[in-house]
Structure formats: structure tokens, C-alpha cells
Amino acid sequence: MNHKLIHMLGEAGFEFTPDVMHKLPEFEKLIRLEREACAKVCDDIDEEFAERGRATWCAAAIRARGQHGD
């Protein structure tokens, strides 16, 4: 379980009932999908403007956040 996610939800005022805890894996999945969609926007910028590499570092940084539990 992603401890940073739990911390953020606590800061947002969520109460950790059994129902909420049960749904956290699905919520994490949605976060991963949204993160990849954001990285894809960066990939598309490079392709659209034929400036390969300028936004690639941004896409890589977004994807790396998911690798480190951020």
C-alpha cells in the first residue's frame, strides 16, 4: 500500500473505514492511469512539434514518480 497516498488522504480529511481501505487499490490504479495520461501529453508535444526530446524529460519524470511510490 502506498503510504504517501494514505498520508495525503488523511490530510484531505478522509476517515479510514474498512470500506475506504478496501477501495484504495482501485484508487491507486486510477492515479497510475492519470499519471500515464499526463506523461503521454508530454510525449505528444514532442511528436506534434517535431522537437524530439524537449518534453521527453518531463514525461520520464512523471513516469518515475510512479516508480518510487510518489
Protein backbone atom coordinates (compact mmCIF):
# COMPACT_ATOMS: atom_id res chain seq x y z
CA MET A 1 0.00 0.00 0.00
CA ASN A 2 1.28 3.45 -0.88
CA HIS A 3 1.96 5.23 2.42
CA LYS A 4 2.16 8.63 0.74
CA LEU A 5 -1.35 8.12 -0.67
CA ILE A 6 -2.67 7.24 2.78
CA HIS A 7 -0.98 10.33 4.23
CA MET A 8 -2.46 12.58 1.53
CA LEU A 9 -5.95 11.16 2.03
CA GLY A 10 -5.62 11.75 5.77
CA GLU A 11 -4.62 15.37 5.13
CA ALA A 12 -7.70 15.72 2.92
CA GLY A 13 -9.89 14.57 5.82
CA PHE A 14 -10.75 11.03 4.75
CA GLU A 15 -11.71 8.65 7.52
CA PHE A 16 -10.12 5.26 7.13
CA THR A 17 -13.10 2.97 7.44
CA PRO A 18 -12.83 -0.65 6.23
CA ASP A 19 -14.78 0.37 3.10
CA VAL A 20 -12.31 3.14 2.27
CA MET A 21 -9.32 0.87 2.86
CA HIS A 22 -10.88 -1.77 0.62
CA LYS A 23 -11.17 0.74 -2.23
CA LEU A 24 -7.63 2.15 -2.02
CA PRO A 25 -6.08 -0.27 -4.54
CA GLU A 26 -8.60 0.78 -7.18
CA PHE A 27 -7.96 4.43 -6.39
CA GLU A 28 -4.21 3.85 -6.77
CA LYS A 29 -4.89 2.27 -10.16
CA LEU A 30 -6.80 5.39 -11.26
CA ILE A 31 -3.90 7.57 -10.12
CA ARG A 32 -1.46 5.47 -12.18
CA LEU A 33 -3.69 5.80 -15.25
CA GLU A 34 -3.94 9.56 -14.83
CA ARG A 35 -0.17 9.86 -14.33
CA GLU A 36 0.42 7.93 -17.57
CA ALA A 37 -2.10 10.16 -19.39
CA CYS A 38 -0.13 13.21 -18.24
CA ALA A 39 3.15 11.68 -19.41
CA LYS A 40 1.51 10.89 -22.77
CA VAL A 41 0.67 14.58 -23.19
CA CYS A 42 4.40 15.30 -22.95
CA ASP A 43 5.16 12.56 -25.47
CA ASP A 44 2.58 14.02 -27.83
CA ILE A 45 4.09 17.50 -27.56
CA ASP A 46 7.41 16.17 -28.80
CA GLU A 47 5.74 14.39 -31.71
CA GLU A 48 3.42 17.25 -32.66
CA PHE A 49 6.12 19.90 -32.78
CA ALA A 50 8.88 17.65 -34.15
CA GLU A 51 11.11 18.82 -31.32
CA ARG A 52 12.05 15.34 -30.11
CA GLY A 53 13.47 15.44 -26.64
CA ARG A 54 12.25 18.75 -25.31
CA ALA A 55 9.29 17.30 -23.40
CA THR A 56 10.64 13.78 -23.12
CA TRP A 57 12.41 14.57 -19.85
CA CYS A 58 9.06 15.74 -18.45
CA ALA A 59 7.34 12.50 -19.44
CA ALA A 60 10.15 10.48 -17.90
CA ALA A 61 9.95 12.46 -14.65
CA ILE A 62 6.20 11.88 -14.42
CA ARG A 63 6.62 8.16 -15.02
CA ALA A 64 9.47 7.98 -12.49
CA ARG A 65 7.22 9.32 -9.75
CA GLY A 66 5.13 6.19 -10.11
CA GLN A 67 8.21 4.01 -9.75
CA HIS A 68 9.18 5.49 -6.40
CA GLY A 69 5.81 5.32 -4.65
CA ASP A 70 5.14 9.04 -5.14
